[in-house]
């Protein structure tokens, strides 16, 4: 009986050790997946930050150029004796200059941090801004896709004339005397 008890103990011990090995393997795999996900998240954030830095610097230069043009418009208005509108143009130019400086000088991490902070402080404003931006983006995409379609840029995906060409084509006259037009298709009764 002692041999049977030892055999039973071994059999009972084996599933426990197998289950433990499986738990260790699963735990290790989960840890690796979590680590890879963290690395991917960090790399994605870094890429977004770099792209944001590059694009924002370009946008900052454009905004500064626009501010200069607005400032010149204000000077022109001042020369015409319109000091009220000139003062308004100067204020707009100052704000545009500040925005251009921010876009040029701030790095991607700072801008992401500022956007996150604004979203936490003003969630409704952030949500409304996102909806408005989404609306304008959808309108832009719709307009650009229509222009691409009409210009024939995607001619390989359609057959036949473009909608503009179809409108220009003459329509053939309809012959009501032919048997195919009557619906019986030449079947005699």
Protein backbone atom coordinates (compact mmCIF):
# COMPACT_ATOMS: atom_id res chain seq x y z
CA UNK A 1 0.00 0.00 0.00
CA UNK A 2 2.85 2.34 0.56
CA UNK A 3 3.81 2.00 -3.12
CA UNK A 4 0.25 2.89 -4.15
CA UNK A 5 0.32 5.92 -1.88
CA UNK A 6 3.64 7.06 -3.32
CA UNK A 7 2.31 6.60 -6.88
CA UNK A 8 -0.80 8.60 -6.01
CA UNK A 9 1.33 11.35 -4.52
CA UNK A 10 3.45 11.50 -7.66
CA UNK A 11 0.35 11.64 -9.87
CA UNK A 12 -1.15 14.34 -7.74
CA UNK A 13 2.12 16.26 -7.68
CA UNK A 14 2.58 16.17 -11.44
CA UNK A 15 -0.56 18.09 -12.33
CA UNK A 16 0.33 20.72 -9.75
CA UNK A 17 3.81 21.12 -11.20
CA UNK A 18 2.40 21.18 -14.76
CA UNK A 19 -0.18 23.79 -13.77
CA UNK A 20 2.56 25.82 -12.13
CA UNK A 21 4.69 25.63 -15.26
CA UNK A 22 1.75 26.72 -17.39
CA UNK A 23 1.06 29.63 -15.02
CA UNK A 24 4.71 30.67 -15.19
CA UNK A 25 4.74 30.46 -19.00
CA UNK A 26 1.52 32.45 -19.30
CA UNK A 27 2.74 35.00 -16.78
CA UNK A 28 5.99 35.39 -18.70
CA UNK A 29 4.16 35.77 -22.00
CA UNK A 30 1.79 38.35 -20.52
CA UNK A 31 4.75 40.28 -19.12
CA UNK A 32 6.45 40.28 -22.53
CA UNK A 33 3.28 41.46 -24.28
CA UNK A 34 2.84 44.26 -21.74
CA UNK A 35 6.46 45.31 -22.15
CA UNK A 36 6.16 45.32 -25.96
CA UNK A 37 2.93 47.32 -25.74
CA UNK A 38 4.65 49.90 -23.53
CA UNK A 39 7.56 50.12 -25.98
CA UNK A 40 5.19 50.52 -28.93
CA UNK A 41 3.27 53.22 -27.06
CA UNK A 42 6.51 55.07 -26.30
CA UNK A 43 7.70 54.81 -29.90
CA UNK A 44 4.36 56.01 -31.25
CA UNK A 45 4.34 58.96 -28.87
CA UNK A 46 7.90 59.82 -29.88
CA UNK A 47 7.02 59.68 -33.60
CA UNK A 48 3.94 61.86 -33.04
CA UNK A 49 6.04 64.30 -31.05
CA UNK A 50 8.72 64.52 -33.75
CA UNK A 51 6.16 64.95 -36.54
CA UNK A 52 4.30 67.55 -34.49
CA UNK A 53 7.52 69.47 -33.89
CA UNK A 54 8.37 69.52 -37.59
CA UNK A 55 4.89 70.45 -38.79
CA UNK A 56 4.33 73.03 -36.09
CA UNK A 57 7.58 74.80 -36.96
CA UNK A 58 6.45 75.04 -40.56
CA UNK A 59 3.00 76.24 -39.51
CA UNK A 60 4.58 78.73 -37.12
CA UNK A 61 6.55 80.30 -39.96
CA UNK A 62 3.41 80.56 -42.07
CA UNK A 63 1.48 82.15 -39.20
CA UNK A 64 4.29 84.65 -38.67
CA UNK A 65 4.20 85.55 -42.37
CA UNK A 66 0.43 86.00 -42.12
CA UNK A 67 0.88 88.19 -39.03
CA UNK A 68 3.28 90.37 -40.98
CA UNK A 69 0.76 90.73 -43.82
CA UNK A 70 -1.98 91.64 -41.32
CA UNK A 71 0.33 94.19 -39.72
CA UNK A 72 0.99 95.76 -43.14
CA UNK A 73 -2.76 95.90 -43.77
CA UNK A 74 -3.15 97.74 -40.46
CA UNK A 75 -0.48 100.24 -41.49
CA UNK A 76 -2.24 100.79 -44.80
CA UNK A 77 -5.54 101.41 -42.99
CA UNK A 78 -3.79 103.84 -40.64
CA UNK A 79 -2.44 105.78 -43.64
CA UNK A 80 -6.02 106.02 -44.93
CA UNK A 81 -7.09 107.52 -41.60
CA UNK A 82 -9.00 104.46 -40.41
CA UNK A 83 -7.44 104.11 -36.97
CA UNK A 84 -10.16 101.87 -35.45
CA UNK A 85 -9.81 99.05 -37.98
CA UNK A 86 -6.03 99.57 -38.00
CA UNK A 87 -5.89 99.07 -34.24
CA UNK A 88 -7.98 95.88 -34.58
CA UNK A 89 -5.61 94.60 -37.28
CA UNK A 90 -2.63 95.32 -35.01
CA UNK A 91 -4.19 93.31 -32.18
CA UNK A 92 -4.93 90.41 -34.53
CA UNK A 93 -1.35 90.59 -35.85
CA UNK A 94 0.02 90.54 -32.28
CA UNK A 95 -2.03 87.43 -31.43
CA UNK A 96 -0.97 85.74 -34.66
CA UNK A 97 2.66 86.61 -33.88
CA UNK A 98 2.33 85.03 -30.42
CA UNK A 99 0.78 81.89 -31.92
CA UNK A 100 3.51 81.71 -34.58
CA UNK A 101 6.22 82.04 -31.91
CA UNK A 102 4.61 79.31 -29.80
CA UNK A 103 4.35 76.96 -32.78
CA UNK A 104 7.94 77.62 -33.82
CA UNK A 105 9.53 77.37 -30.37
CA UNK A 106 7.51 74.64 -28.66
CA UNK A 107 8.54 71.04 -29.16
CA UNK A 108 6.08 68.21 -29.72
CA UNK A 109 6.13 67.00 -26.12
CA UNK A 110 5.27 70.44 -24.79
CA UNK A 111 2.39 70.82 -27.26
CA UNK A 112 1.00 67.38 -26.43
CA UNK A 113 1.24 68.23 -22.73
CA UNK A 114 -0.53 71.57 -23.33
CA UNK A 115 -3.33 69.88 -25.30
CA UNK A 116 -3.77 67.24 -22.57
CA UNK A 117 -3.87 69.96 -19.89
CA UNK A 118 -6.43 71.98 -21.85
CA UNK A 119 -8.57 68.85 -22.39
CA UNK A 120 -8.56 68.18 -18.63
CA UNK A 121 -9.32 71.80 -17.70
CA UNK A 122 -11.93 72.46 -20.42
CA UNK A 123 -13.42 69.10 -21.48
CA UNK A 124 -16.50 70.64 -23.11
CA UNK A 125 -14.46 73.12 -25.12
CA UNK A 126 -12.09 70.36 -26.16
CA UNK A 127 -15.01 68.14 -27.22
CA UNK A 128 -16.69 70.92 -29.19
CA UNK A 129 -13.37 71.74 -30.83
CA UNK A 130 -12.93 68.10 -31.82
CA UNK A 131 -16.42 67.96 -33.31
CA UNK A 132 -15.84 71.17 -35.28
CA UNK A 133 -12.45 69.95 -36.50
CA UNK A 134 -14.00 66.62 -37.51
CA UNK A 135 -16.77 68.38 -39.41
CA UNK A 136 -14.33 70.53 -41.35
CA UNK A 137 -12.07 67.56 -42.02
CA UNK A 138 -15.00 65.57 -43.41
CA UNK A 139 -16.05 68.47 -45.63
CA UNK A 140 -12.48 68.85 -46.88
CA UNK A 141 -12.18 65.14 -47.63
CA UNK A 142 -15.54 65.09 -49.40
CA UNK A 143 -14.61 68.09 -51.54
CA UNK A 144 -11.19 66.73 -52.39
CA UNK A 145 -12.56 63.30 -53.28
CA UNK A 146 -15.12 64.88 -55.60
CA UNK A 147 -12.38 66.91 -57.26
CA UNK A 148 -10.19 63.83 -57.69
CA UNK A 149 -13.08 61.90 -59.19
CA UNK A 150 -14.06 64.67 -61.58
CA UNK A 151 -10.47 65.29 -62.65
CA UNK A 152 -10.05 61.69 -63.69
CA UNK A 153 -7.28 60.90 -61.22
CA UNK A 154 -8.92 57.58 -60.49
CA UNK A 155 -9.80 56.74 -64.09
CA UNK A 156 -8.41 53.24 -63.72
CA UNK A 157 -11.12 52.44 -61.16
CA UNK A 158 -14.09 53.35 -63.32
CA UNK A 159 -15.14 52.48 -66.82
CA UNK A 160 -16.85 54.65 -69.33
CA UNK A 161 -17.03 58.41 -69.59
CA UNK A 162 -16.81 60.70 -66.57
CA UNK A 163 -20.02 62.33 -65.26
CA UNK A 164 -19.10 65.55 -67.09
CA UNK A 165 -18.56 63.64 -70.32
CA UNK A 166 -21.85 61.78 -69.86
CA UNK A 167 -23.76 65.06 -69.60
CA UNK A 168 -22.13 66.25 -72.83
CA UNK A 169 -23.05 63.10 -74.80
CA UNK A 170 -26.26 63.22 -76.84
CA UNK A 171 -28.94 60.80 -75.72
CA UNK A 172 -30.14 58.39 -78.42
CA UNK A 173 -33.81 58.64 -79.42
CA UNK A 174 -36.09 55.96 -77.99
CA UNK A 175 -37.78 53.79 -80.64
CA UNK A 176 -41.19 52.72 -79.35
CA UNK A 177 -42.01 50.66 -82.44
CA UNK A 178 -39.37 47.97 -81.88
CA UNK A 179 -40.52 44.64 -80.38
CA UNK A 180 -37.96 44.85 -77.56
CA UNK A 181 -39.51 48.09 -76.32
CA UNK A 182 -42.97 46.50 -76.00
CA UNK A 183 -41.92 43.87 -73.52
CA UNK A 184 -42.95 40.80 -75.52
CA UNK A 185 -39.52 40.60 -77.14
CA UNK A 186 -40.76 39.19 -80.42
CA UNK A 187 -42.88 36.38 -78.98
CA UNK A 188 -45.88 35.65 -81.20
CA UNK A 189 -49.28 35.06 -79.71
